[in-house]
Protein backbone atom coordinates (compact mmCIF):
# COMPACT_ATOMS: atom_id res chain seq x y z
CA MET A 1 42.76 19.14 30.43
CA SER A 2 40.42 16.20 29.93
CA PHE A 3 37.03 15.48 31.41
CA LYS A 4 35.41 12.15 32.00
CA PHE A 5 31.77 11.73 32.69
CA GLN A 6 29.60 8.71 32.91
CA VAL A 7 25.87 8.48 32.83
CA SER A 8 24.52 5.29 34.28
CA SER A 9 21.03 3.90 34.15
CA SER A 10 18.80 5.09 36.94
CA LYS A 11 17.34 1.60 37.29
CA SER A 12 20.71 0.06 38.10
CA ARG A 13 20.96 2.03 41.34
CA GLY A 14 17.29 1.77 42.15
CA GLU A 15 16.87 5.55 41.91
CA SER A 16 14.13 7.27 40.05
CA LEU A 17 14.86 9.81 37.34
CA GLU A 18 13.40 12.57 39.46
CA SER A 19 15.61 11.78 42.46
CA ARG A 20 18.73 11.82 40.26
CA VAL A 21 17.83 15.22 38.85
CA TRP A 22 17.27 16.62 42.38
CA SER A 23 20.58 15.12 43.50
CA LEU A 24 22.42 16.77 40.60
CA GLU A 25 20.76 20.10 41.26
CA SER A 26 21.69 20.00 44.95
CA ARG A 27 25.32 19.24 44.09
CA VAL A 28 25.48 22.17 41.68
CA ARG A 29 23.96 24.56 44.24
CA SER A 30 26.07 23.42 47.19
CA PRO A 31 29.12 25.56 48.20
CA GLU A 32 31.63 22.71 47.86
CA SER A 33 30.52 22.11 44.26
CA ASN A 34 32.07 25.41 43.18
CA GLU A 35 35.49 23.79 43.48
CA LYS A 36 34.50 21.11 40.93
CA GLY A 37 32.52 23.48 38.69
CA PRO A 38 33.51 22.33 35.18
CA ARG A 39 33.25 18.68 36.15
CA ASN A 40 29.75 19.06 37.60
CA VAL A 41 28.53 21.10 34.67
CA LEU A 42 29.72 18.43 32.26
CA LEU A 43 28.08 15.72 34.35
CA ILE A 44 24.79 17.58 34.31
CA LEU A 45 25.01 18.28 30.58
CA GLY A 46 25.84 14.65 29.84
CA PHE A 47 22.96 13.44 31.96
CA LEU A 48 20.49 15.87 30.38
CA PHE A 49 21.68 14.90 26.90
CA SER A 50 21.10 11.21 27.60
CA VAL A 51 17.63 11.88 29.02
CA ILE A 52 16.59 14.08 26.09
CA SER A 53 17.94 11.66 23.48
CA SER A 54 16.15 8.75 25.16
CA LEU A 55 12.88 10.66 25.24
CA PHE A 56 13.30 11.70 21.60
CA SER A 57 13.93 8.15 20.41
CA LEU A 58 11.01 6.77 22.42
CA THR A 59 8.65 9.48 21.25
CA PHE A 60 9.46 9.87 17.59
CA LEU A 61 11.33 6.85 16.34
CA SER A 62 9.12 4.16 17.78
CA ALA A 63 6.04 5.32 15.87
CA CYS A 64 7.34 5.85 12.34
CA GLY A 65 4.89 5.22 9.54
CA ARG A 66 1.14 5.11 9.30
CA LYS A 67 -0.33 2.32 11.36
CA THR A 68 -3.46 0.66 10.04
CA PRO A 69 -5.23 -2.52 10.98
CA VAL A 70 -3.78 -5.61 9.35
CA ARG A 71 -6.11 -7.05 6.72
CA PRO A 72 -5.80 -10.50 5.17
CA PRO A 73 -4.90 -10.55 1.45
CA GLU A 74 -8.24 -11.96 0.37
CA LEU A 75 -9.96 -8.80 1.68
CA VAL A 76 -7.74 -6.29 -0.16
CA ALA A 77 -8.53 -7.66 -3.61
CA PRO A 78 -10.82 -5.50 -5.76
CA GLU A 79 -14.48 -6.39 -6.10
CA PRO A 80 -15.16 -8.25 -9.36
CA ILE A 81 -16.49 -6.38 -12.36
CA ARG A 82 -20.16 -7.17 -12.87
CA ASP A 83 -21.10 -5.12 -15.95
CA LEU A 84 -18.80 -6.33 -18.75
CA THR A 85 -20.48 -5.82 -22.13
CA LEU A 86 -19.49 -6.69 -25.69
CA GLU A 87 -20.39 -5.01 -28.96
CA VAL A 88 -19.30 -5.25 -32.58
CA GLU A 89 -17.54 -2.11 -33.78
CA GLY A 90 -16.40 -2.22 -37.41
CA ASN A 91 -14.08 -5.18 -37.85
CA SER A 92 -13.43 -5.60 -34.15
CA ILE A 93 -15.02 -6.55 -30.83
CA LYS A 94 -15.24 -3.81 -28.22
CA LEU A 95 -15.49 -4.61 -24.50
CA ARG A 96 -16.73 -2.04 -21.98
CA TRP A 97 -16.92 -2.09 -18.16
CA SER A 98 -17.16 0.22 -15.16
CA ARG A 99 -14.41 1.14 -12.74
CA THR A 100 -14.13 -0.99 -9.61
CA GLN A 101 -14.71 1.29 -6.59
CA LYS A 102 -14.30 -0.99 -3.57
CA TYR A 103 -12.28 -3.82 -2.11
CA VAL A 104 -13.91 -7.18 -1.36
CA ASP A 105 -14.29 -6.13 2.30
CA GLY A 106 -16.41 -3.12 1.22
CA SER A 107 -13.87 -0.36 1.95
CA ASN A 108 -13.10 2.29 -0.69
CA MET A 109 -10.29 1.48 -3.12
CA ASP A 110 -7.52 4.00 -3.76
CA ASP A 111 -4.83 1.86 -5.41
CA LEU A 112 -6.43 0.43 -8.54
CA GLY A 113 -3.58 -0.55 -10.86
CA GLY A 114 -5.48 -1.64 -13.95
CA PHE A 115 -7.38 -4.43 -15.64
CA VAL A 116 -6.41 -7.69 -17.30
CA VAL A 117 -8.48 -8.76 -20.34
CA LEU A 118 -8.84 -12.53 -20.63
CA ARG A 119 -10.02 -14.37 -23.75
CA ALA A 120 -10.94 -17.97 -24.51
CA VAL A 121 -11.22 -19.17 -28.12
CA GLN A 122 -13.05 -22.16 -29.57
CA ASN A 123 -10.55 -24.51 -31.17
CA GLY A 124 -10.96 -26.45 -34.42
CA GLN A 125 -12.64 -29.43 -32.68
CA GLY A 126 -15.39 -27.24 -31.26
CA THR A 127 -14.15 -27.08 -27.66
CA VAL A 128 -13.44 -23.78 -25.99
CA GLY A 129 -9.93 -23.45 -24.56
CA SER A 130 -9.02 -21.93 -21.24
CA PHE A 131 -8.86 -18.18 -20.67
CA SER A 132 -5.55 -16.47 -21.34
CA GLN A 133 -4.45 -12.85 -21.03
CA VAL A 134 -4.67 -10.81 -24.23
CA ALA A 135 -4.21 -7.29 -22.86
CA THR A 136 -3.61 -5.10 -19.81
CA VAL A 137 -5.49 -1.82 -19.48
CA PRO A 138 -3.59 0.43 -17.04
CA VAL A 139 -5.25 2.96 -14.74
CA GLU A 140 -3.33 6.24 -14.82
CA ASP A 141 -5.72 8.63 -13.10
CA ARG A 142 -5.27 7.59 -9.44
CA ASP A 143 -4.08 11.06 -8.37
CA ARG A 144 -6.73 13.00 -10.25
CA PHE A 145 -9.80 14.46 -8.65
CA ARG A 146 -12.03 13.28 -11.49
CA LYS A 147 -11.39 9.64 -12.30
CA ALA A 148 -12.48 7.67 -15.36
CA LYS A 149 -15.66 5.73 -14.67
CA LYS A 150 -15.70 3.53 -17.80
CA PHE A 151 -12.96 1.53 -19.48
CA SER A 152 -12.80 -0.32 -22.79
CA TYR A 153 -10.68 -2.65 -24.86
CA THR A 154 -10.91 -3.36 -28.59
CA ASP A 155 -9.92 -6.81 -29.90
CA GLU A 156 -8.91 -6.76 -33.56
CA GLN A 157 -7.18 -10.17 -33.62
CA ILE A 158 -10.28 -12.13 -34.62
CA THR A 159 -11.19 -14.78 -37.19
CA THR A 160 -14.54 -15.34 -38.95
CA GLY A 161 -16.64 -18.21 -37.60
CA THR A 162 -14.77 -18.41 -34.26
CA LEU A 163 -16.36 -18.23 -30.83
CA TYR A 164 -14.71 -15.71 -28.47
CA ARG A 165 -15.35 -15.49 -24.72
CA TYR A 166 -14.08 -12.60 -22.62
CA ARG A 167 -13.58 -11.80 -18.94
CA VAL A 168 -11.88 -8.90 -17.17
CA GLN A 169 -10.07 -8.86 -13.83
CA ALA A 170 -9.14 -5.74 -11.84
CA PHE A 171 -5.83 -5.58 -9.98
CA THR A 172 -4.26 -3.30 -7.37
CA LEU A 173 -0.83 -1.69 -7.40
CA ASP A 174 0.28 -4.37 -4.93
CA GLY A 175 -0.73 -7.16 -7.33
CA TYR A 176 -3.98 -8.38 -5.75
CA TYR A 177 -6.45 -9.57 -8.42
CA SER A 178 -10.23 -9.62 -8.31
CA SER A 179 -12.29 -12.63 -9.23
CA PRO A 180 -13.09 -12.75 -12.96
CA SER A 181 -15.96 -10.62 -14.22
CA ASN A 182 -19.09 -11.91 -15.84
CA THR A 183 -18.36 -13.73 -19.14
CA VAL A 184 -19.46 -12.33 -22.50
CA GLU A 185 -19.17 -14.24 -25.77
CA LEU A 186 -19.68 -13.83 -29.48
CA VAL A 187 -19.24 -15.94 -32.62
CA TRP A 188 -17.48 -13.59 -35.02
CA GLN A 189 -19.31 -13.42 -38.34
CA GLY A 190 -17.05 -10.91 -40.04
CA GLY A 191 -18.25 -7.38 -39.29
CA PRO A 192 -21.40 -5.48 -38.39
């Protein structure tokens, strides 16, 4: 024994969904439908299955994910660091700065990835070269309730009589970088 059933779109016949359901109900309740019982039951079940699966896919699958307003990349970069300081500590130079709290657009930041320390060195002819990366300071406390407010980096690769300039840039987990911080500089004289 095999059964065939076909569910067609209600729009193709110009009928509304409600009128098709009423039509199916009237066929099931009518006396002559008792002769075709299994066929009608399968038709109704097939129709109801298609309606429920369509409603499910429209309701749940079309809205997956968290929808947020689209922001241009230049607004999701961290604000620049404004309080970079430098101090001599033993035979090294220690840089200190505060945690970046906001994006450039002023909204709160929750995906700070870390900081890049940039250094420029005066060459033998007395001109200062361009800034290059000397270190990355990662941020590992994103999921903690109490986050670090201050960060530091110690540069021990220094030579007496050389001018050193430093900047720091914050970056997000997605790779957006802030503008460089304020610049601090020091001519290393060989210790405190």
